[in-house]
């Protein structure tokens, strides 16, 4: 069954265990103003590790852009790493 799960995002790199068919559907702040990523995937099923990088505007980036969000005066960009 495909479901959407919420995971915490750390500044810098975050690794999360997700379904092998996972895709990011949203990044942003949760109701407690903590950075989160929402991922759609099949559960139960084969698992993999997804590596994400969260960087501020003006910092070097790598990977594939999956979302941007605002946190007060800051703008954060999230990239999926290979």
N, C-alpha and C. Protein backbone atom coordinates (compact mmCIF):
# COMPACT_ATOMS: atom_id res chain seq x y z
N UNK A 1 0.84 -1.18 0.00
CA UNK A 1 0.00 0.00 0.00
C UNK A 1 0.89 1.24 0.00
N UNK A 2 0.55 2.23 -0.84
CA UNK A 2 1.31 3.48 -0.87
C UNK A 2 0.78 4.41 0.22
N UNK A 3 1.72 4.97 0.97
CA UNK A 3 1.38 5.90 2.05
C UNK A 3 2.38 7.05 2.05
N UNK A 4 2.04 8.13 2.74
CA UNK A 4 2.95 9.26 2.91
C UNK A 4 3.39 9.28 4.37
N UNK A 5 4.70 9.34 4.56
CA UNK A 5 5.28 9.41 5.91
C UNK A 5 6.07 10.69 6.06
N UNK A 6 6.14 11.18 7.30
CA UNK A 6 6.88 12.40 7.63
C UNK A 6 8.17 12.01 8.36
N UNK A 7 9.29 12.64 7.96
CA UNK A 7 10.59 12.37 8.58
C UNK A 7 11.25 13.70 8.96
N UNK A 8 12.05 13.71 10.04
CA UNK A 8 12.78 14.93 10.40
C UNK A 8 13.90 15.21 9.39
N UNK A 9 14.16 16.50 9.17
CA UNK A 9 15.27 16.95 8.33
C UNK A 9 16.28 17.64 9.21
N UNK A 10 17.55 17.30 9.06
CA UNK A 10 18.63 17.97 9.79
C UNK A 10 19.32 18.97 8.88
N UNK A 11 19.94 19.98 9.46
CA UNK A 11 20.77 20.89 8.68
C UNK A 11 21.97 20.09 8.21
N UNK A 12 22.35 20.26 6.96
CA UNK A 12 23.39 19.41 6.39
C UNK A 12 22.75 18.17 5.81
N UNK A 13 23.29 16.98 6.16
CA UNK A 13 22.79 15.74 5.57
C UNK A 13 21.89 14.97 6.52
N UNK A 14 20.85 14.34 5.93
CA UNK A 14 19.92 13.46 6.63
C UNK A 14 19.81 12.16 5.85
N UNK A 15 19.83 11.04 6.56
CA UNK A 15 19.58 9.74 5.93
C UNK A 15 18.32 9.15 6.54
N UNK A 16 17.40 8.68 5.68
CA UNK A 16 16.15 8.08 6.15
C UNK A 16 15.93 6.75 5.45
N UNK A 17 15.32 5.81 6.15
CA UNK A 17 14.98 4.51 5.58
C UNK A 17 13.57 4.60 5.01
N UNK A 18 13.45 4.33 3.72
CA UNK A 18 12.16 4.48 3.02
C UNK A 18 11.97 3.30 2.08
N UNK A 19 10.77 3.20 1.51
CA UNK A 19 10.52 2.19 0.50
C UNK A 19 11.37 2.44 -0.74
N UNK A 20 11.71 1.37 -1.45
CA UNK A 20 12.58 1.49 -2.62
C UNK A 20 11.99 2.38 -3.70
N UNK A 21 10.66 2.55 -3.71
CA UNK A 21 10.00 3.39 -4.72
C UNK A 21 9.69 4.79 -4.20
N UNK A 22 10.36 5.23 -3.15
CA UNK A 22 10.05 6.49 -2.48
C UNK A 22 10.26 7.70 -3.37
N UNK A 23 9.39 8.70 -3.15
CA UNK A 23 9.57 10.00 -3.79
C UNK A 23 9.14 11.08 -2.81
N UNK A 24 9.88 12.17 -2.79
CA UNK A 24 9.57 13.31 -1.91
C UNK A 24 8.36 14.03 -2.47
N UNK A 25 7.35 14.28 -1.60
CA UNK A 25 6.16 15.01 -2.05
C UNK A 25 6.08 16.41 -1.45
N UNK A 26 6.85 16.65 -0.36
CA UNK A 26 6.81 17.98 0.26
C UNK A 26 7.97 18.13 1.23
N UNK A 27 8.50 19.35 1.34
CA UNK A 27 9.44 19.70 2.41
C UNK A 27 8.93 20.99 3.04
N UNK A 28 9.12 21.14 4.34
CA UNK A 28 8.66 22.34 5.02
C UNK A 28 8.73 22.18 6.52
N UNK A 29 8.06 23.10 7.20
CA UNK A 29 8.02 23.07 8.66
C UNK A 29 6.74 22.39 9.12
N UNK A 30 6.85 21.59 10.17
CA UNK A 30 5.65 20.97 10.75
C UNK A 30 5.00 21.96 11.72
N UNK A 31 3.90 21.61 12.38
CA UNK A 31 3.23 22.56 13.28
C UNK A 31 4.09 23.06 14.46
N UNK A 32 5.16 22.32 14.77
CA UNK A 32 6.09 22.75 15.83
C UNK A 32 7.28 23.53 15.26
N UNK A 33 7.19 23.93 14.00
CA UNK A 33 8.23 24.69 13.29
C UNK A 33 9.53 23.92 13.14
N UNK A 34 9.47 22.59 13.05
CA UNK A 34 10.66 21.77 12.83
C UNK A 34 10.72 21.37 11.36
N UNK A 35 11.90 21.40 10.74
CA UNK A 35 12.02 20.99 9.32
C UNK A 35 11.66 19.52 9.15
N UNK A 36 10.86 19.24 8.12
CA UNK A 36 10.40 17.87 7.84
C UNK A 36 10.38 17.63 6.35
N UNK A 37 10.41 16.34 5.98
CA UNK A 37 10.23 15.91 4.60
C UNK A 37 9.10 14.88 4.61
N UNK A 38 8.18 15.00 3.65
CA UNK A 38 7.09 14.03 3.49
C UNK A 38 7.40 13.20 2.27
N UNK A 39 7.40 11.87 2.46
CA UNK A 39 7.81 10.94 1.41
C UNK A 39 6.69 9.95 1.15
N UNK A 40 6.34 9.77 -0.12
CA UNK A 40 5.36 8.77 -0.53
C UNK A 40 6.12 7.51 -0.94
N UNK A 41 5.68 6.37 -0.39
CA UNK A 41 6.33 5.11 -0.74
C UNK A 41 5.42 3.94 -0.40
N UNK A 42 5.80 2.75 -0.88
CA UNK A 42 5.05 1.54 -0.60
C UNK A 42 5.53 0.95 0.71
N UNK A 43 4.58 0.65 1.59
CA UNK A 43 4.91 0.05 2.89
C UNK A 43 3.87 -1.01 3.20
N UNK A 44 4.22 -2.21 3.56
CA UNK A 44 5.60 -2.71 3.61
C UNK A 44 6.11 -3.01 2.22
N UNK A 45 7.41 -3.17 2.11
CA UNK A 45 8.06 -3.49 0.84
C UNK A 45 9.55 -3.35 0.96
N UNK A 46 10.28 -3.53 -0.14
CA UNK A 46 11.73 -3.38 -0.11
C UNK A 46 12.12 -1.99 0.37
N UNK A 47 13.20 -1.91 1.13
CA UNK A 47 13.64 -0.65 1.73
C UNK A 47 14.95 -0.19 1.12
N UNK A 48 15.20 1.11 1.24
CA UNK A 48 16.46 1.71 0.82
C UNK A 48 16.73 2.92 1.70
N UNK A 49 17.95 3.41 1.64
CA UNK A 49 18.30 4.63 2.37
C UNK A 49 18.26 5.82 1.41
N UNK A 50 17.49 6.85 1.79
CA UNK A 50 17.45 8.09 1.02
C UNK A 50 18.33 9.10 1.74
N UNK A 51 19.24 9.71 0.97
CA UNK A 51 20.13 10.74 1.52
C UNK A 51 19.68 12.10 1.02
N UNK A 52 19.45 13.02 1.97
CA UNK A 52 18.99 14.37 1.64
C UNK A 52 19.95 15.39 2.23
N UNK A 53 20.13 16.49 1.53
CA UNK A 53 20.96 17.59 1.99
C UNK A 53 20.11 18.85 2.07
N UNK A 54 20.14 19.53 3.22
CA UNK A 54 19.41 20.78 3.40
C UNK A 54 20.43 21.91 3.56
N UNK A 55 20.38 22.88 2.64
CA UNK A 55 21.34 23.97 2.63
C UNK A 55 20.63 25.31 2.50
N UNK A 56 21.28 26.34 3.00
CA UNK A 56 20.75 27.68 2.88
C UNK A 56 21.08 28.28 1.52
N UNK A 57 20.36 29.34 1.19
CA UNK A 57 20.60 30.06 -0.06
C UNK A 57 22.05 30.55 -0.09
N UNK A 58 22.70 30.37 -1.26
CA UNK A 58 24.06 30.84 -1.44
C UNK A 58 25.13 29.81 -1.13
N UNK A 59 24.74 28.63 -0.62
CA UNK A 59 25.71 27.59 -0.30
C UNK A 59 25.82 26.60 -1.46
N UNK A 60 26.96 25.91 -1.58
CA UNK A 60 27.12 24.92 -2.66
C UNK A 60 26.08 23.80 -2.53
N UNK A 61 25.64 23.29 -3.67
CA UNK A 61 24.63 22.23 -3.68
C UNK A 61 25.10 21.08 -4.57
N UNK A 62 24.54 19.89 -4.32
CA UNK A 62 24.73 18.75 -5.20
C UNK A 62 23.48 17.91 -5.13
N UNK A 63 23.29 17.06 -6.12
CA UNK A 63 22.12 16.21 -6.15
C UNK A 63 20.98 16.83 -6.94
N UNK A 64 19.78 16.31 -6.69
CA UNK A 64 18.57 16.73 -7.39
C UNK A 64 17.67 17.51 -6.43
N UNK A 65 17.29 18.72 -6.83
CA UNK A 65 16.43 19.56 -5.99
C UNK A 65 15.07 18.91 -5.80
N UNK A 66 14.62 18.81 -4.52
CA UNK A 66 13.30 18.23 -4.24
C UNK A 66 12.37 19.20 -3.53
N UNK A 67 12.88 20.36 -3.10
CA UNK A 67 11.98 21.33 -2.48
C UNK A 67 12.72 22.48 -1.82
N UNK A 68 11.97 23.56 -1.59
CA UNK A 68 12.46 24.77 -0.93
C UNK A 68 11.39 25.22 0.04
N UNK A 69 11.81 25.74 1.21
CA UNK A 69 10.83 26.27 2.16
C UNK A 69 11.42 27.44 2.93
N UNK A 70 10.53 28.24 3.50
CA UNK A 70 10.91 29.42 4.27
C UNK A 70 10.81 29.12 5.76
N UNK A 71 11.75 29.67 6.54
CA UNK A 71 11.75 29.57 8.00
C UNK A 71 12.14 30.93 8.53
N UNK A 72 11.12 31.79 8.77
CA UNK A 72 11.40 33.17 9.16
C UNK A 72 12.16 33.86 8.04
N UNK A 73 13.33 34.45 8.35
CA UNK A 73 14.08 35.15 7.31
C UNK A 73 14.93 34.22 6.44
N UNK A 74 14.95 32.93 6.76
CA UNK A 74 15.81 31.97 6.04
C UNK A 74 15.05 31.22 4.97
N UNK A 75 15.75 30.87 3.89
CA UNK A 75 15.20 30.03 2.83
C UNK A 75 16.10 28.80 2.73
N UNK A 76 15.50 27.62 2.86
CA UNK A 76 16.22 26.35 2.83
C UNK A 76 15.89 25.59 1.57
N UNK A 77 16.90 24.90 1.04
CA UNK A 77 16.76 24.13 -0.20
C UNK A 77 17.15 22.70 0.12
N UNK A 78 16.35 21.74 -0.34
CA UNK A 78 16.59 20.32 -0.04
C UNK A 78 16.88 19.59 -1.34
N UNK A 79 17.96 18.80 -1.30
CA UNK A 79 18.43 18.03 -2.46
C UNK A 79 18.53 16.56 -2.11
N UNK A 80 18.12 15.71 -3.04
CA UNK A 80 18.30 14.28 -2.90
C UNK A 80 19.66 13.92 -3.45
N UNK A 81 20.47 13.26 -2.62
CA UNK A 81 21.83 12.92 -3.01
C UNK A 81 21.86 11.52 -3.64
N UNK A 82 22.83 11.29 -4.53
CA UNK A 82 22.93 9.95 -5.15
C UNK A 82 23.30 8.88 -4.13
